[in-house]
Structures are given as C-alpha cells and as structure tokens.
Protein backbone atom coordinates (compact mmCIF):
# COMPACT_ATOMS: atom_id res chain seq x y z
CA MET A 1 15.63 80.24 7.92
CA ASN A 2 13.18 78.30 5.76
CA MET A 3 11.62 75.84 8.21
CA LYS A 4 9.03 74.24 5.91
CA ARG A 5 8.84 70.59 6.93
CA PRO A 6 8.60 67.96 4.17
CA ARG A 7 6.32 64.98 4.86
CA ARG A 8 9.13 62.47 4.24
CA PRO A 9 12.23 61.38 6.14
CA LEU A 10 14.51 64.38 6.57
CA THR A 11 18.01 64.49 5.09
CA LEU A 12 21.19 66.52 5.54
CA ARG A 13 20.08 68.56 2.54
CA ASP A 14 16.95 69.72 4.41
CA VAL A 15 19.07 70.91 7.34
CA SER A 16 21.54 72.51 4.91
CA GLU A 17 18.78 74.44 3.15
CA ALA A 18 17.15 75.49 6.43
CA SER A 19 20.40 76.69 8.00
CA GLY A 20 21.98 78.16 4.88
CA VAL A 21 25.26 76.22 5.16
CA SER A 22 26.72 73.34 3.14
CA GLU A 23 25.82 69.69 3.69
CA MET A 24 29.46 69.00 4.56
CA THR A 25 29.36 71.61 7.32
CA VAL A 26 26.06 70.24 8.60
CA SER A 27 27.60 66.76 8.74
CA ARG A 28 30.62 68.01 10.65
CA VAL A 29 28.44 69.83 13.19
CA LEU A 30 26.10 66.87 13.77
CA ARG A 31 29.04 64.47 14.18
CA ASN A 32 30.77 67.04 16.41
CA ARG A 33 33.82 67.05 14.19
CA GLY A 34 35.82 69.65 12.33
CA ASP A 35 36.56 73.31 12.85
CA VAL A 36 33.20 75.07 12.79
CA SER A 37 32.48 78.45 14.33
CA ALA A 38 30.17 78.66 17.32
CA ALA A 39 27.71 80.80 15.37
CA THR A 40 27.52 78.32 12.49
CA ARG A 41 27.25 75.38 14.85
CA GLU A 42 24.33 77.01 16.67
CA LYS A 43 22.63 77.84 13.35
CA VAL A 44 22.85 74.19 12.24
CA LEU A 45 21.70 72.76 15.59
CA THR A 46 18.77 75.17 15.74
CA ALA A 47 17.68 74.20 12.23
CA ALA A 48 18.00 70.48 13.03
CA ARG A 49 15.99 70.81 16.25
CA THR A 50 13.27 72.86 14.60
CA LEU A 51 12.92 70.49 11.67
CA GLY A 52 13.11 67.41 13.87
CA TYR A 53 16.10 65.98 12.02
CA VAL A 54 17.75 62.93 13.60
CA PRO A 55 21.08 61.63 12.20
CA ASN A 56 21.09 58.09 10.81
CA LYS A 57 23.43 55.75 12.70
CA ILE A 58 22.98 52.96 10.15
CA ALA A 59 25.99 53.22 7.86
CA GLY A 60 26.71 52.49 4.21
CA GLY A 61 24.38 50.38 2.10
CA LEU A 62 21.96 49.94 5.01
CA ALA A 63 21.43 53.68 5.41
CA SER A 64 18.11 53.65 3.57
CA GLN A 65 16.82 50.58 5.45
CA ARG A 66 14.99 50.19 8.74
CA VAL A 67 15.91 47.76 11.47
CA ASN A 68 13.52 45.18 12.91
CA LEU A 69 13.07 47.13 16.14
CA VAL A 70 10.04 48.94 17.52
CA ALA A 71 10.89 51.83 19.83
CA VAL A 72 8.64 51.73 22.91
CA VAL A 73 8.85 54.86 25.06
CA ILE A 74 7.19 54.79 28.49
CA PRO A 75 7.40 57.07 31.54
CA SER A 76 8.22 54.44 34.17
CA LEU A 77 9.16 50.81 34.78
CA SER A 78 8.41 50.98 38.52
CA ASN A 79 4.77 51.83 37.79
CA MET A 80 2.70 48.61 37.82
CA VAL A 81 0.76 49.77 34.77
CA PHE A 82 3.37 49.57 32.05
CA PRO A 83 4.54 45.93 32.36
CA ASP A 84 1.03 44.91 31.23
CA VAL A 85 1.25 47.28 28.27
CA LEU A 86 4.68 45.89 27.35
CA GLY A 87 3.32 42.36 27.66
CA GLY A 88 0.59 43.15 25.17
CA ILE A 89 3.06 44.72 22.74
CA SER A 90 5.50 41.82 22.99
CA ALA A 91 2.78 39.18 22.54
CA GLU A 92 1.48 40.82 19.37
CA LEU A 93 4.95 41.33 17.85
CA ASP A 94 6.02 37.78 18.64
CA ASP A 95 5.32 36.37 15.16
CA THR A 96 6.33 39.43 13.14
CA GLY A 97 10.12 39.44 13.32
CA LEU A 98 9.95 42.79 15.11
CA GLN A 99 11.45 43.27 18.57
CA PRO A 100 10.40 45.94 21.09
CA VAL A 101 13.18 48.11 22.54
CA VAL A 102 12.19 50.12 25.61
CA GLY A 103 13.19 53.64 26.63
CA VAL A 104 12.11 55.23 29.93
CA THR A 105 11.48 58.98 30.33
CA ASN A 106 10.74 59.23 34.08
CA TYR A 107 7.89 61.62 33.22
CA SER A 108 10.49 64.19 32.04
CA PRO A 109 9.87 65.93 28.67
CA PRO A 110 13.61 66.69 28.15
CA ARG A 111 14.38 63.05 28.86
CA GLU A 112 11.72 62.02 26.32
CA ASP A 113 13.43 64.24 23.73
CA ALA A 114 16.77 62.53 24.40
CA VAL A 115 15.32 59.00 24.34
CA LEU A 116 13.50 59.63 21.06
CA TYR A 117 16.57 61.20 19.48
CA ASP A 118 18.70 58.15 20.30
CA MET A 119 16.07 55.61 19.30
CA LEU A 120 15.13 57.29 16.03
CA SER A 121 18.78 57.52 15.00
CA TRP A 122 18.74 53.71 14.61
CA ARG A 123 15.77 53.96 12.23
CA PRO A 124 13.30 51.62 13.94
CA SER A 125 10.31 50.20 12.08
CA GLY A 126 7.89 52.10 14.29
CA VAL A 127 7.42 54.02 17.54
CA ILE A 128 4.96 53.35 20.36
CA LEU A 129 5.02 55.97 23.09
CA ALA A 130 2.89 56.89 26.07
CA GLY A 131 0.79 60.02 26.03
CA LEU A 132 -0.22 62.76 23.62
CA GLU A 133 1.70 65.67 25.19
CA HIS A 134 5.25 66.22 23.93
CA ASN A 135 7.81 69.00 23.58
CA LYS A 136 8.12 70.79 20.22
CA ALA A 137 11.40 68.96 19.59
CA ALA A 138 9.88 65.53 20.20
CA ARG A 139 6.83 66.34 18.08
CA ALA A 140 9.00 67.55 15.19
CA MET A 141 11.12 64.37 15.29
CA LEU A 142 8.04 62.14 15.29
CA GLU A 143 6.21 64.08 12.59
CA ASN A 144 9.18 63.78 10.25
CA ALA A 145 10.33 60.26 11.11
CA GLY A 146 8.54 58.72 8.14
CA LEU A 147 7.39 55.66 10.11
CA PRO A 148 4.31 54.52 12.07
CA VAL A 149 3.90 56.41 15.35
CA VAL A 150 1.30 55.19 17.85
CA GLU A 151 0.68 57.23 21.00
CA ILE A 152 -0.87 55.04 23.66
CA MET A 153 -2.90 55.22 26.90
CA ASP A 154 -4.84 58.39 26.03
CA VAL A 155 -7.24 59.60 23.33
CA ASP A 156 -8.12 63.01 24.81
CA GLY A 157 -6.25 65.07 22.22
CA THR A 158 -4.93 65.07 18.66
CA PRO A 159 -2.43 62.34 17.77
CA ILE A 160 0.65 62.86 15.62
CA ASP A 161 -0.18 59.76 13.58
CA CYS A 162 -2.37 57.38 15.57
CA ALA A 163 -3.61 57.09 19.18
CA VAL A 164 -4.71 53.96 21.03
CA GLY A 165 -6.09 54.27 24.54
CA ILE A 166 -9.00 55.36 26.68
CA SER A 167 -10.53 58.74 27.42
CA HIS A 168 -9.31 59.64 30.90
CA LYS A 169 -11.86 62.43 31.12
CA ARG A 170 -14.55 59.83 30.52
CA ALA A 171 -13.01 57.47 33.08
CA GLY A 172 -13.06 60.19 35.74
CA ALA A 173 -16.61 61.27 34.88
CA GLU A 174 -17.92 57.70 34.95
CA MET A 175 -16.36 57.03 38.35
CA ALA A 176 -17.97 60.21 39.69
CA GLU A 177 -21.31 59.00 38.34
CA GLU A 178 -20.96 55.65 40.12
CA ILE A 179 -20.02 57.36 43.39
CA LEU A 180 -22.96 59.75 43.18
CA ASN A 181 -25.39 56.97 42.30
CA ALA A 182 -24.22 55.07 45.39
CA GLY A 183 -25.27 58.01 47.56
CA TYR A 184 -21.90 59.46 48.57
CA ARG A 185 -21.64 63.25 48.79
CA ARG A 186 -18.59 64.27 50.91
CA ILE A 187 -15.87 63.22 48.50
CA GLY A 188 -12.12 63.62 48.79
CA PHE A 189 -9.35 63.05 46.23
CA ILE A 190 -5.81 61.75 46.74
CA GLY A 191 -3.31 61.87 43.88
CA THR A 192 -0.04 63.05 42.42
CA HIS A 193 1.06 66.59 41.71
CA MET A 194 0.20 66.69 38.05
CA PRO A 195 2.37 69.03 35.96
CA GLU A 196 3.60 66.10 33.83
CA ASP A 197 1.06 63.37 34.67
CA HIS A 198 -1.39 64.55 32.04
CA ARG A 199 -3.62 61.48 32.17
CA ALA A 200 -4.19 61.78 35.93
CA ARG A 201 -4.94 65.47 35.44
CA LYS A 202 -7.55 64.67 32.78
CA ARG A 203 -9.21 62.05 34.99
CA LEU A 204 -9.50 64.54 37.83
CA ALA A 205 -10.93 67.14 35.43
CA GLY A 206 -13.59 64.69 34.22
CA PHE A 207 -14.31 63.63 37.79
CA GLU A 208 -14.78 67.18 39.06
CA ALA A 209 -16.83 68.18 36.02
CA ARG A 210 -19.36 65.42 36.66
CA LEU A 211 -19.52 66.25 40.38
CA GLY A 212 -20.06 69.89 39.43
CA GLU A 213 -23.00 68.95 37.23
CA ALA A 214 -24.59 67.44 40.36
CA GLY A 215 -23.86 70.60 42.35
CA ILE A 216 -21.09 68.99 44.40
CA ALA A 217 -17.51 70.16 44.85
CA LEU A 218 -14.62 68.08 46.12
CA ALA A 219 -14.63 68.41 49.90
CA ALA A 220 -10.88 67.81 50.25
CA ARG A 221 -7.82 66.89 48.23
CA GLU A 222 -4.36 65.65 49.08
CA PHE A 223 -1.41 65.59 46.66
CA TYR A 224 1.99 63.94 46.78
CA GLN A 225 5.22 64.00 44.78
CA GLY A 226 7.31 61.09 43.53
CA GLY A 227 6.30 57.50 42.91
CA SER A 228 3.23 55.73 44.25
CA SER A 229 3.44 53.18 47.06
CA LEU A 230 1.29 51.42 49.61
CA LEU A 231 2.98 53.41 52.37
CA LYS A 232 2.19 56.69 50.65
CA GLY A 233 -1.44 55.64 50.35
CA ARG A 234 -1.63 54.86 54.05
CA GLU A 235 -0.01 58.15 55.10
CA LEU A 236 -2.13 60.33 52.81
CA THR A 237 -5.34 58.60 53.80
CA GLU A 238 -4.59 59.15 57.48
CA ARG A 239 -3.76 62.79 56.76
CA ILE A 240 -6.89 63.62 54.78
CA LEU A 241 -9.26 61.82 57.18
CA SER A 242 -7.63 63.46 60.21
CA ARG A 243 -8.24 66.83 58.59
CA GLU A 244 -11.71 66.05 57.18
CA PRO A 245 -13.19 63.22 59.30
CA ASP A 246 -16.67 63.55 57.78
CA LEU A 247 -15.60 62.47 54.28
CA ASP A 248 -17.66 59.54 53.03
CA PHE A 249 -15.68 58.67 49.89
CA LEU A 250 -12.04 58.77 48.79
CA TYR A 251 -11.06 58.66 45.10
CA TYR A 252 -7.40 57.79 44.50
CA SER A 253 -5.51 58.57 41.30
CA ASN A 254 -4.24 54.97 41.12
CA ASP A 255 -4.72 51.54 42.68
CA MET A 256 -1.38 51.43 44.49
CA ILE A 257 -2.13 54.32 46.83
CA GLY A 258 -5.77 53.22 46.97
CA ALA A 259 -4.71 49.80 48.23
CA GLY A 260 -2.56 51.41 50.91
CA GLY A 261 -5.47 53.62 51.94
CA LEU A 262 -7.83 50.65 52.09
CA MET A 263 -5.51 48.70 54.38
CA TRP A 264 -5.14 51.67 56.74
CA CYS A 265 -8.92 52.21 56.88
CA MET A 266 -9.54 48.53 57.62
CA GLU A 267 -6.98 48.61 60.45
CA GLN A 268 -8.76 51.64 61.91
CA GLY A 269 -12.11 49.85 61.87
CA TYR A 270 -13.89 52.01 59.28
CA ASP A 271 -17.23 50.70 58.03
CA ILE A 272 -16.41 50.08 54.35
CA PRO A 273 -18.37 50.69 52.19
CA GLY A 274 -21.21 51.72 54.51
CA LYS A 275 -19.71 54.87 56.06
CA LEU A 276 -16.67 55.26 53.81
CA GLY A 277 -16.22 54.23 50.20
CA LEU A 278 -12.95 54.06 48.26
CA ALA A 279 -11.94 53.75 44.61
CA GLY A 280 -8.73 53.70 42.60
CA PHE A 281 -7.78 53.50 38.95
CA ASN A 282 -6.09 50.95 36.65
CA GLY A 283 -7.38 47.54 37.79
CA VAL A 284 -3.93 46.12 38.61
CA GLU A 285 -3.34 42.53 39.71
CA LEU A 286 -2.24 43.68 43.18
CA LEU A 287 -5.91 44.12 44.11
CA ASP A 288 -6.54 40.37 43.87
CA GLY A 289 -4.61 39.81 47.11
CA LEU A 290 -6.43 42.32 49.31
CA PRO A 291 -8.96 41.32 52.00
CA MET A 292 -11.51 43.53 50.23
CA ARG A 293 -11.43 44.23 46.51
CA LEU A 294 -10.90 47.93 45.82
CA THR A 295 -13.39 49.58 43.47
CA THR A 296 -11.50 50.70 40.38
CA THR A 297 -11.47 51.24 36.61
CA ASP A 298 -9.89 48.79 34.18
CA ALA A 299 -7.73 50.99 31.92
CA ARG A 300 -7.49 48.26 29.21
CA ARG A 301 -3.69 48.14 29.33
CA ILE A 302 -3.09 44.81 27.60
CA ASP A 303 -5.67 45.61 24.90
CA ILE A 304 -3.95 48.95 24.28
CA GLY A 305 -0.51 47.36 23.97
CA ARG A 306 -1.77 44.68 21.59
CA ARG A 307 -3.66 47.06 19.32
CA ALA A 308 -0.76 49.51 19.12
CA ALA A 309 1.60 46.69 18.16
CA ARG A 310 -0.79 45.42 15.49
CA ILE A 311 -0.90 48.83 13.86
CA VAL A 312 2.88 49.31 13.95
CA ALA A 313 3.46 45.81 12.58
CA GLY A 314 0.98 46.35 9.74
CA LYS A 315 -1.36 43.60 10.94
CA GLU A 316 -4.23 46.03 10.69
CA PRO A 317 -4.63 49.45 9.10
CA LYS A 318 -4.61 52.68 11.02
CA PRO A 319 -8.17 53.98 11.52
CA GLU A 320 -9.22 56.78 9.19
CA ASP A 321 -9.46 59.25 12.08
CA GLY A 322 -6.25 57.92 13.62
CA VAL A 323 -7.91 56.99 16.94
CA VAL A 324 -8.64 53.64 18.57
CA ALA A 325 -10.66 54.35 21.72
CA PHE A 326 -11.30 51.58 24.22
CA ALA A 327 -14.03 52.01 26.83
CA PRO A 328 -12.77 52.29 30.42
CA THR A 329 -14.49 49.57 32.44
CA PHE A 330 -15.89 50.18 35.92
CA LEU A 331 -15.05 47.35 38.36
CA PRO A 332 -17.29 47.70 41.45
CA GLY A 333 -15.30 45.55 43.86
CA ASP A 334 -16.25 45.67 47.55
CA THR A 335 -15.57 49.29 48.53
CA ILE A 336 -18.59 51.08 47.09
CA ARG A 337 -22.20 50.67 48.21
CA SER A 338 -24.48 48.65 45.95
CA ARG A 339 -27.21 50.68 44.35
C-alpha cells in the first residue's frame, strides 16, 4: 500500500489509492454497508487507520464546511485540574461564535482514539487536547485533520501542530531545588502509577534528576492506582511514614492527595514544617480551606486554557516554533521551612 500522507484533509480517494480498491467500495466499508469481502474490508480499514482518515458526517452542500465547534479532549472530569482549563477555554471563546464540546478519555489511549474519531467526523473548527503522547492512530488523524490542533498542559516533547503548557520536568526540578534549599534531605514521594500519566512521570523525573545532582536519592516512594482523593492521601501518608518514620519531607504528585496527607499529619501532631515538610502540585482552590496552606506549584491552568483557545480561534497566531511555554510558579505556603 502507498501510505504517503498528504498535508491536506484526506478524502475517500486517498483511502482508495492507499488500499487499491474503488472509492465506492471504500464508502461501503466505512459506512458498514454492502456486500464486501472480509479481506477487502480489512484492507480498507487498515489503510484508513494508517492514513488517519475520518469520515465526514456533515452531508450534502455542507460537506466542505466546518462547524462552529471546538473539540476539547481531556483525560478526566473528576480531576480538579481540568474544570479550570475548561473555564479558560470557554471564557476566551465566548465572543467568537465557537463553542467547546468536551470528550473524556479516562487516561486511556484507545478511548482517546475513539473520542477523536467521533469528534473529527463532525469537522470541528479546531481541536484542543491534553498531553503530547498519543497512539499512532490518534496522531495520524490529527496530523491530517487540516485544522488547528493545540496540545495543552505539557511542552516536554514535540507537538503535532502547537503546544501550550508548562515543562513538568522543570516543575519537578524546581520543587526539588526549593526542598533542598530549605534543608530537607530524607525525602519521600507519593503519587500515581504512571504508565499513562505522562506529566506526573515527567515531574518525578525532573524531581529525581535535581536531587541526584545534589547527591541525594529518594528515601521512599509510595504509588497508588485509580483517582486521587483526600482519603487516599491520608492512607498513603500513614503507610509511608510508618515504614520510613525518619522522612523529613513528602512530595505528592498532586494537591488532592497532598491535602489528605497534610490533614493526617496535623492530626498526628507532626511539627510542620519544622520536622516534616510537605508539597503538592497544581495550586487548586481546595488548598484555600485548609488550616495550613500546602506548599505547591501553580500549573497555570487558566492561562493555558485561554491561550489555547486564542490560537484555535485565530485571535493570535501560532508561535513559529509551535510552543507556548508558561513558567510553573512555586507557591511556598506554610508547609516548607523558610530559607
């Protein structure tokens, strides 16, 4: 098969040429109609997947048009991070005539493929999606969609079209620097299992790299599966400190579990931040209601959502290098010693 990918919206003819069958047969296969052999059907579907072809659900005279929708693809709605991102996107699109439509992947690459396939079939005016890591099928669809694609939250990698976010490696390294400068040395980490949470993995890599430069290794680590919660933070904090009672700092992969850990430590009478320091990540509003303010990093969520929407809406041009990098902002709070 000839799988050369044109840099324009793909058509039935491209799939026909790649698979070696007629456009009529391609159409029948993709609409799941007609009497087509299994071998031919597989040949057509393989060509379509490889090219990244998505059928157009807009019929007739509108087939060449785009609708006034922006596809927004995020991994979770239960995560406290993404409502802020969506708020920024919605605020910036408010006066453009464009409307955001949200799809949720649950951190599943196959689910992301399915969500993108459905959304792109309606020919949106642009796509905003979380992260830089995608399956081959998703990447092919986005590369050949012929519309603005903005990958958000992360700039540690090469974008398909444009990326707007922070460097998570930098965020992790800068938190390690703050912890070291405050005099902590027996440091533990609590976070998610990370096969699909690429941004958390990058933060931990940056964190450990900076510790390593100072000749320090993580003294303990504790991982969990599933969503984050205050209860999970409490349980994991108790577990890691029962196992390694001489730890003097705990770095959490997000604020939710960090807040749970902070509440448990306060109940147990720990001297915070004198004997034990704690830090999270994201800078979520939840921290405003705690008896002590958790040290954290502002991940610039609203700024990221707004800038991504501006680029998709054509309010500002895409940068020449395709990257808009915001600086992660350290928020000292009350749970780290003053220098």
